[in-house]
Amino acid sequence: MTPLMISNEFIIIVIGMVFLLSLPLLVFLAKTVQNITPYLYMNARLKAKEGRLISKAQLEDMLSAHSLSEISSLLEGTPYGSEMQGLMINNAETVEEVLQKHRTTLYGEIIGMMPAKIRDVFSYLNRELEANTLKSLLRDIHAQKPAEQMDQGLVSTEEFHEETLKRMYESQSIAELVPLLEGTTYEPLMEKVPSYEQTKLLSGFESELDKIVLTKTWQVISSRDDLSMIHDYFATKIDLMNLKVLLRAKRDRLGWDAIASFLLPQGSLYHHAKTSFGEEEDVRGLINSLEGTPFYSSLMEVFPEYEKTSSLVPLEKVVDEFLLKMGWDISVKNPFGAGPLMGFLSLKDAEMRNVRTIAIAKEAQLDHDTIRSLMVSV
């Protein structure tokens, strides 16, 4: 065997060893590219939409506005402008109508651009639209608003066909509306009618709608082992929804039996609350029992504000901000895949909440400092 042949064989062996050693890396890179590629179009579109979010300076301008018509003018130059055509913004209710229309259009766009592999998980966006519109419809009927003045923002869906929608908007009472939900995901609302007839409070319906949306979402997410970050997010969302109920119960001195039907059994907080609810005497005791959880320190930080007024607003704001920041953190830590979608939805939720807060507070003639204290940040 000549030296040249030995040299060639040696080179082939080296190349073969390099290939074998690098094979796991090549497989990893191939899988990574395969996982990222379906999200590239959606994430590029979301980045563009993120650039059009209302800025802090624009929010400050709205905060300094002297009237709702001034706020309306400021909104015309934002992505909400297209939903304002044909509407006279003369009260906070009309601003809410604009927000609802914008959310419907936006969610439709997002669902249309997302990869098929996560479309079932994010189908909760459609359920949120249905639930929010049902809440608006319940409020309108409760307030005995004429049919022509109702915000008819719900479009035909798998749950609500055109004829059903027509009958819903023509309903003259809650007792007439709710039976129309029979056979849909929202049929459990029928069980809340007797309580409503007795108390004339809509909280039972609204809480049940939130439970339905989160329960259906949880059923989908818990069956997937490839979306751990979204699983953790919704587990936290359920915990925080339960926490709001528990805070209200402790403030109002309500027993477990009075609130059990408002709670979701998923997440970690429910089981803790079920075994220890009677041990905490008040709101402070409840918050102290949360020591060791991620939201304990934030709640304790604003607890003095609650003690001054007995208003849960500062505590509930902390709860909402925790979830919004969690969505954004997921985006930062997972810049590919579904991470940017979670971040964008959190930023958009914060934006719409702040616009809604400013409009309602301006109509109530609250001062700037009070309005700012009600606004959320991510």
Protein backbone atom coordinates (compact mmCIF):
# COMPACT_ATOMS: atom_id res chain seq x y z
CA MET A 1 0.00 0.00 0.00
CA THR A 2 1.47 3.29 -1.07
CA PRO A 3 1.72 6.32 1.26
CA LEU A 4 -0.82 8.08 -0.94
CA MET A 5 -3.39 5.31 -0.45
CA ILE A 6 -2.81 5.36 3.33
CA SER A 7 -3.23 9.12 3.34
CA ASN A 8 -6.53 8.87 1.41
CA GLU A 9 -7.86 6.17 3.73
CA PHE A 10 -6.91 8.27 6.75
CA ILE A 11 -8.76 11.30 5.35
CA ILE A 12 -11.87 9.18 4.66
CA ILE A 13 -11.79 7.81 8.24
CA VAL A 14 -11.42 11.32 9.68
CA ILE A 15 -14.29 12.64 7.54
CA GLY A 16 -16.43 9.68 8.61
CA MET A 17 -15.68 10.28 12.30
CA VAL A 18 -16.44 14.00 11.97
CA PHE A 19 -19.73 13.17 10.26
CA LEU A 20 -20.72 10.66 12.95
CA LEU A 21 -19.79 13.06 15.74
CA SER A 22 -21.69 15.94 14.12
CA LEU A 23 -24.75 13.84 13.23
CA PRO A 24 -26.62 14.59 16.49
CA LEU A 25 -25.98 18.31 15.96
CA LEU A 26 -27.21 18.12 12.36
CA VAL A 27 -30.36 16.28 13.47
CA PHE A 28 -30.93 18.87 16.21
CA LEU A 29 -30.49 21.75 13.75
CA ALA A 30 -32.81 20.10 11.23
CA LYS A 31 -35.53 19.64 13.87
CA THR A 32 -35.05 23.22 15.10
CA VAL A 33 -35.45 24.63 11.59
CA GLN A 34 -38.45 22.35 11.02
CA ASN A 35 -40.08 23.64 14.24
CA ILE A 36 -39.33 27.31 13.57
CA THR A 37 -40.18 27.56 9.88
CA PRO A 38 -44.02 27.34 10.23
CA TYR A 39 -43.94 30.35 12.60
CA LEU A 40 -41.76 32.69 10.51
CA TYR A 41 -44.61 34.34 8.58
CA MET A 42 -46.82 34.79 11.64
CA ASN A 43 -44.02 36.18 13.80
CA ALA A 44 -42.94 38.66 11.10
CA ARG A 45 -46.54 39.91 10.84
CA LEU A 46 -46.85 40.16 14.61
CA LYS A 47 -43.61 42.16 14.82
CA ALA A 48 -45.06 44.64 12.33
CA LYS A 49 -48.29 44.89 14.37
CA GLU A 50 -46.26 45.33 17.54
CA GLY A 51 -44.67 48.39 15.97
CA ARG A 52 -48.14 49.93 15.56
CA LEU A 53 -49.20 49.52 19.19
CA ILE A 54 -50.26 52.70 20.97
CA SER A 55 -47.12 54.27 22.45
CA LYS A 56 -46.68 55.60 25.99
CA ALA A 57 -46.68 59.13 24.56
CA GLN A 58 -50.02 58.52 22.84
CA LEU A 59 -51.50 57.13 26.06
CA GLU A 60 -50.29 60.23 27.88
CA ASP A 61 -52.04 62.38 25.27
CA MET A 62 -55.27 60.45 25.88
CA LEU A 63 -54.75 60.82 29.62
CA SER A 64 -54.42 64.60 29.17
CA ALA A 65 -57.46 64.82 26.87
CA HIS A 66 -60.35 66.97 28.11
CA SER A 67 -63.14 64.97 26.51
CA LEU A 68 -64.03 61.67 24.87
CA SER A 69 -64.22 63.40 21.49
CA GLU A 70 -60.55 64.38 21.95
CA ILE A 71 -59.70 60.76 22.77
CA SER A 72 -61.67 59.76 19.67
CA SER A 73 -59.51 62.03 17.51
CA LEU A 74 -56.35 60.52 18.98
CA LEU A 75 -57.60 56.98 18.28
CA GLU A 76 -58.25 57.77 14.62
CA GLY A 77 -54.53 57.71 13.92
CA THR A 78 -54.12 54.24 15.44
CA PRO A 79 -55.12 50.74 14.25
CA TYR A 80 -58.51 51.37 15.89
CA GLY A 81 -59.35 54.05 13.32
CA SER A 82 -60.91 51.62 10.84
CA GLU A 83 -63.40 50.39 13.46
CA MET A 84 -64.46 53.96 14.29
CA GLN A 85 -65.96 54.74 10.90
CA GLY A 86 -69.63 55.58 11.20
CA LEU A 87 -69.51 55.78 14.99
CA MET A 88 -69.97 58.87 17.13
CA ILE A 89 -67.72 58.50 20.18
CA ASN A 90 -69.74 60.31 22.83
CA ASN A 91 -69.51 57.86 25.72
CA ALA A 92 -67.27 55.12 27.11
CA GLU A 93 -69.71 52.50 25.89
CA THR A 94 -69.00 53.44 22.27
CA VAL A 95 -65.26 53.17 22.93
CA GLU A 96 -65.90 49.65 24.22
CA GLU A 97 -67.76 48.87 21.00
CA VAL A 98 -64.72 50.03 18.99
CA LEU A 99 -62.44 47.84 21.11
CA GLN A 100 -64.68 44.81 20.63
CA LYS A 101 -64.80 45.28 16.85
CA HIS A 102 -61.03 45.70 16.72
CA ARG A 103 -60.48 42.57 18.82
CA THR A 104 -62.77 40.56 16.53
CA THR A 105 -60.89 41.67 13.41
CA LEU A 106 -57.47 41.19 15.02
CA TYR A 107 -58.17 37.69 16.35
CA GLY A 108 -59.52 36.68 12.95
CA GLU A 109 -56.26 37.80 11.34
CA ILE A 110 -54.11 36.04 13.93
CA ILE A 111 -55.99 32.75 13.66
CA GLY A 112 -55.68 32.95 9.89
CA MET A 113 -51.90 33.38 9.97
CA MET A 114 -50.96 30.90 12.72
CA PRO A 115 -49.59 27.41 11.92
CA ALA A 116 -52.15 24.60 11.88
CA LYS A 117 -50.27 22.77 14.66
CA ILE A 118 -51.30 25.36 17.29
CA ARG A 119 -54.66 26.46 15.86
CA ASP A 120 -56.61 24.16 18.20
CA VAL A 121 -54.79 25.56 21.26
CA PHE A 122 -55.45 29.17 20.31
CA SER A 123 -59.07 28.51 19.38
CA TYR A 124 -59.72 30.03 22.81
CA LEU A 125 -59.40 33.42 21.10
CA ASN A 126 -62.69 32.76 19.29
CA ARG A 127 -64.30 31.58 22.52
CA GLU A 128 -63.14 34.76 24.25
CA LEU A 129 -64.82 36.82 21.53
CA GLU A 130 -68.06 34.86 21.94
CA ALA A 131 -67.92 35.14 25.74
CA ASN A 132 -67.16 38.89 25.70
CA THR A 133 -70.01 39.57 23.28
CA LEU A 134 -72.39 37.49 25.37
CA LYS A 135 -71.40 39.55 28.40
CA SER A 136 -72.16 42.75 26.46
CA LEU A 137 -75.49 41.35 25.32
CA LEU A 138 -76.43 40.29 28.85
CA ARG A 139 -75.57 43.78 30.14
CA ASP A 140 -77.59 45.47 27.40
CA ILE A 141 -80.67 43.33 28.07
CA HIS A 142 -80.23 43.76 31.82
CA ALA A 143 -80.17 47.53 31.30
CA GLN A 144 -83.28 47.21 29.06
CA LYS A 145 -81.48 48.85 26.17
CA PRO A 146 -83.49 48.98 22.91
CA ALA A 147 -82.40 46.37 20.34
CA GLU A 148 -81.29 49.01 17.83
CA GLN A 149 -78.84 50.45 20.40
CA MET A 150 -77.18 47.12 21.23
CA ASP A 151 -73.64 46.40 20.13
CA GLN A 152 -74.25 43.59 17.68
CA GLY A 153 -70.59 42.63 17.46
CA LEU A 154 -71.00 38.84 17.41
CA VAL A 155 -70.75 37.32 13.96
CA SER A 156 -71.93 33.87 12.88
CA THR A 157 -69.77 31.06 14.33
CA GLU A 158 -69.93 27.29 14.77
CA GLU A 159 -71.69 27.91 18.08
CA PHE A 160 -74.05 30.65 16.93
CA HIS A 161 -75.67 30.42 13.53
CA GLU A 162 -77.20 33.51 11.92
CA GLU A 163 -80.79 32.67 12.91
CA THR A 164 -79.76 32.03 16.53
CA LEU A 165 -77.92 35.34 16.64
CA LYS A 166 -80.96 37.17 15.30
CA ARG A 167 -83.15 35.67 18.03
CA MET A 168 -80.53 36.48 20.69
CA TYR A 169 -80.45 40.16 19.74
CA GLU A 170 -84.24 40.27 19.66
CA SER A 171 -84.54 38.87 23.20
CA GLN A 172 -86.51 41.06 25.58
CA SER A 173 -85.21 39.54 28.82
CA ILE A 174 -82.41 37.41 30.28
CA ALA A 175 -84.90 34.56 30.76
CA GLU A 176 -85.67 34.74 27.03
CA LEU A 177 -82.02 34.95 25.92
CA VAL A 178 -80.30 32.25 27.97
CA PRO A 179 -82.43 29.27 26.78
CA LEU A 180 -81.20 30.05 23.24
CA LEU A 181 -77.77 28.83 24.40
CA GLU A 182 -79.04 25.28 24.81
CA GLY A 183 -76.91 22.86 22.81
CA THR A 184 -73.93 25.25 22.70
CA THR A 185 -70.77 25.41 24.79
CA TYR A 186 -72.48 28.08 26.87
CA GLU A 187 -75.48 25.99 27.93
CA PRO A 188 -74.33 25.97 31.63
CA LEU A 189 -75.47 29.61 31.84
CA MET A 190 -79.03 28.27 32.06
CA GLU A 191 -78.27 27.09 35.60
CA LYS A 192 -77.52 30.69 36.64
CA VAL A 193 -80.94 32.09 35.68
CA PRO A 194 -82.67 31.38 39.06
CA SER A 195 -79.86 33.12 40.93
CA TYR A 196 -80.06 36.11 38.58
CA GLU A 197 -83.84 36.34 38.97
CA GLN A 198 -83.34 36.48 42.73
CA THR A 199 -80.40 38.89 42.95
CA LYS A 200 -80.53 40.75 39.60
CA LEU A 201 -76.73 40.47 39.49
CA LEU A 202 -74.88 39.48 36.32
CA SER A 203 -71.74 38.28 38.13
CA GLY A 204 -72.91 34.66 38.07
CA PHE A 205 -73.22 34.70 34.26
CA GLU A 206 -69.93 36.50 33.75
CA SER A 207 -68.01 34.20 36.07
CA GLU A 208 -69.53 31.15 34.36
CA LEU A 209 -68.48 32.46 30.94
CA ASP A 210 -64.88 32.90 32.14
CA LYS A 211 -64.95 29.37 33.55
CA ILE A 212 -66.27 27.90 30.30
CA VAL A 213 -63.56 29.56 28.20
CA LEU A 214 -60.72 28.52 30.52
CA THR A 215 -62.05 24.99 31.06
CA LYS A 216 -62.34 24.34 27.31
CA THR A 217 -58.89 25.82 26.75
CA TRP A 218 -57.41 23.68 29.52
CA GLN A 219 -58.88 20.52 28.01
CA VAL A 220 -56.99 21.19 24.77
CA ILE A 221 -53.72 22.33 26.36
CA SER A 222 -53.50 19.54 28.94
CA SER A 223 -53.64 16.97 26.13
CA ARG A 224 -50.51 18.41 24.49
CA ASP A 225 -46.98 17.75 25.76
CA ASP A 226 -45.26 19.99 23.22
CA LEU A 227 -46.48 23.34 24.56
CA SER A 228 -45.24 23.46 28.15
CA MET A 229 -44.88 27.24 28.20
CA ILE A 230 -48.53 27.74 27.20
CA HIS A 231 -49.59 25.07 29.70
CA ASP A 232 -47.80 26.96 32.51
CA TYR A 233 -49.32 30.25 31.37
CA PHE A 234 -52.89 28.97 31.52
CA ALA A 235 -52.29 27.16 34.80
CA THR A 236 -51.24 30.54 36.20
CA LYS A 237 -54.20 32.27 34.55
CA ILE A 238 -56.58 29.86 36.28
CA ASP A 239 -54.79 30.35 39.61
CA LEU A 240 -55.06 34.12 39.30
CA MET A 241 -58.74 34.01 38.33
CA ASN A 242 -59.37 31.89 41.43
CA LEU A 243 -57.29 34.30 43.50
CA LYS A 244 -59.57 37.21 42.54
CA VAL A 245 -62.58 35.23 43.75
CA LEU A 246 -60.81 34.32 46.99
CA LEU A 247 -59.78 37.94 47.66
CA ARG A 248 -63.36 39.11 47.20
CA ALA A 249 -64.63 36.31 49.43
CA LYS A 250 -62.25 37.22 52.26
CA ARG A 251 -63.09 40.90 52.03
CA ASP A 252 -66.83 40.19 52.10
CA ARG A 253 -66.54 37.44 54.74
CA LEU A 254 -68.03 34.75 52.52
CA GLY A 255 -67.75 31.05 53.28
CA TRP A 256 -66.46 28.31 50.98
CA ASP A 257 -69.95 27.15 50.00
CA ALA A 258 -70.77 30.63 48.70
CA ILE A 259 -67.78 30.77 46.33
CA ALA A 260 -67.03 27.14 45.38
CA SER A 261 -69.09 27.32 42.18
CA PHE A 262 -67.11 30.37 41.02
CA LEU A 263 -63.75 28.57 41.22
CA LEU A 264 -61.96 26.38 38.68
CA PRO A 265 -60.54 23.09 40.03
CA GLN A 266 -57.49 23.22 37.75
CA GLY A 267 -54.22 24.87 38.74
CA SER A 268 -52.49 24.64 42.11
CA LEU A 269 -54.24 27.38 44.09
CA TYR A 270 -57.66 25.68 44.14
CA HIS A 271 -56.48 22.64 46.13
CA HIS A 272 -54.58 24.85 48.56
CA ALA A 273 -57.65 27.06 49.05
CA LYS A 274 -60.01 24.12 49.49
CA THR A 275 -58.02 22.74 52.41
CA SER A 276 -57.03 26.02 54.10
CA PHE A 277 -59.77 28.53 53.23
CA GLY A 278 -61.27 28.63 56.73
CA GLU A 279 -57.89 29.18 58.37
CA GLU A 280 -57.35 32.71 57.02
CA GLU A 281 -59.49 35.32 58.72
CA ASP A 282 -59.18 38.14 56.22
CA VAL A 283 -57.46 39.42 53.07
CA ARG A 284 -54.12 39.82 54.85
CA GLY A 285 -54.30 36.22 56.06
CA LEU A 286 -55.06 35.01 52.53
CA ILE A 287 -52.09 36.92 51.09
CA ASN A 288 -49.79 35.64 53.86
CA SER A 289 -50.81 32.09 52.95
CA LEU A 290 -49.41 32.74 49.45
CA GLU A 291 -45.85 33.27 50.71
CA GLY A 292 -43.50 31.37 48.46
CA THR A 293 -45.61 31.94 45.34
CA PRO A 294 -44.42 34.31 42.56
CA PHE A 295 -47.15 36.88 43.22
CA TYR A 296 -46.87 37.14 47.02
CA SER A 297 -44.40 40.04 47.19
CA SER A 298 -46.31 42.15 44.64
CA LEU A 299 -49.57 41.71 46.57
CA MET A 300 -47.91 42.63 49.88
CA GLU A 301 -46.39 45.72 48.26
CA VAL A 302 -49.83 47.20 47.46
CA PHE A 303 -51.63 45.79 50.49
CA PRO A 304 -51.39 49.13 52.40
CA GLU A 305 -53.47 50.72 49.60
CA TYR A 306 -56.16 48.09 50.16
CA GLU A 307 -56.11 48.74 53.93
CA LYS A 308 -56.79 52.44 53.35
CA THR A 309 -59.87 52.00 51.17
CA SER A 310 -60.96 48.31 51.37
CA SER A 311 -60.96 48.46 47.57
CA LEU A 312 -59.63 45.37 45.81
CA VAL A 313 -58.62 47.39 42.73
CA PRO A 314 -54.88 47.66 43.66
CA LEU A 315 -54.69 43.93 44.39
CA GLU A 316 -56.58 42.93 41.24
CA LYS A 317 -54.37 45.21 39.16
CA VAL A 318 -51.29 43.40 40.50
CA VAL A 319 -52.89 40.08 39.58
CA ASP A 320 -53.64 41.26 36.03
CA GLU A 321 -50.16 42.72 35.56
CA PHE A 322 -48.52 39.50 36.74
CA LEU A 323 -50.25 37.55 33.97
CA LEU A 324 -49.51 40.19 31.34
CA LYS A 325 -45.82 40.20 32.28
CA MET A 326 -45.75 36.41 32.22
CA GLY A 327 -47.01 36.44 28.63
CA TRP A 328 -44.32 38.95 27.67
CA ASP A 329 -41.60 36.96 29.48
CA ILE A 330 -42.58 33.88 27.48
CA SER A 331 -42.00 35.91 24.31
CA VAL A 332 -38.57 37.12 25.49
CA LYS A 333 -37.41 33.66 26.56
CA ASN A 334 -38.89 31.92 23.51
CA PRO A 335 -38.30 34.29 20.56
CA PHE A 336 -39.24 31.59 18.07
CA GLY A 337 -42.30 29.37 17.82
CA ALA A 338 -45.41 30.51 19.70
CA GLY A 339 -43.50 32.77 22.11
CA PRO A 340 -43.94 36.03 20.13
CA LEU A 341 -47.67 35.36 19.85
CA MET A 342 -48.02 35.13 23.64
CA GLY A 343 -46.06 38.35 24.01
CA PHE A 344 -48.08 40.24 21.42
CA LEU A 345 -51.41 39.14 22.91
CA SER A 346 -50.24 40.36 26.33
CA LEU A 347 -49.19 43.75 24.95
CA LYS A 348 -52.49 44.07 23.08
CA ASP A 349 -54.54 43.13 26.15
CA ALA A 350 -52.70 45.79 28.17
CA GLU A 351 -53.27 48.39 25.43
CA MET A 352 -57.01 47.75 25.14
CA ARG A 353 -57.44 47.66 28.89
CA ASN A 354 -55.70 51.04 29.23
CA VAL A 355 -57.77 52.66 26.46
CA ARG A 356 -60.93 51.31 28.11
CA THR A 357 -59.79 52.55 31.54
CA ILE A 358 -59.05 56.06 30.26
CA ALA A 359 -62.42 56.31 28.50
CA ILE A 360 -64.43 55.12 31.52
CA ALA A 361 -62.42 57.26 33.95
CA LYS A 362 -62.72 60.37 31.77
CA GLU A 363 -66.47 59.90 31.59
CA ALA A 364 -66.52 59.61 35.40
CA GLN A 365 -64.38 62.80 35.58
CA LEU A 366 -61.59 61.19 37.62
CA ASP A 367 -58.32 63.09 38.03
CA HIS A 368 -55.12 62.19 36.16
CA ASP A 369 -53.37 60.54 39.11
CA THR A 370 -56.33 58.30 39.82
CA ILE A 371 -56.62 57.25 36.18
CA ARG A 372 -52.88 56.54 35.97
CA SER A 373 -53.10 54.35 39.08
CA LEU A 374 -55.71 52.21 37.33
CA MET A 375 -53.67 51.64 34.18
CA VAL A 376 -51.58 48.49 33.72
CA SER A 377 -48.05 48.02 32.44
CA VAL A 378 -46.20 45.04 31.00
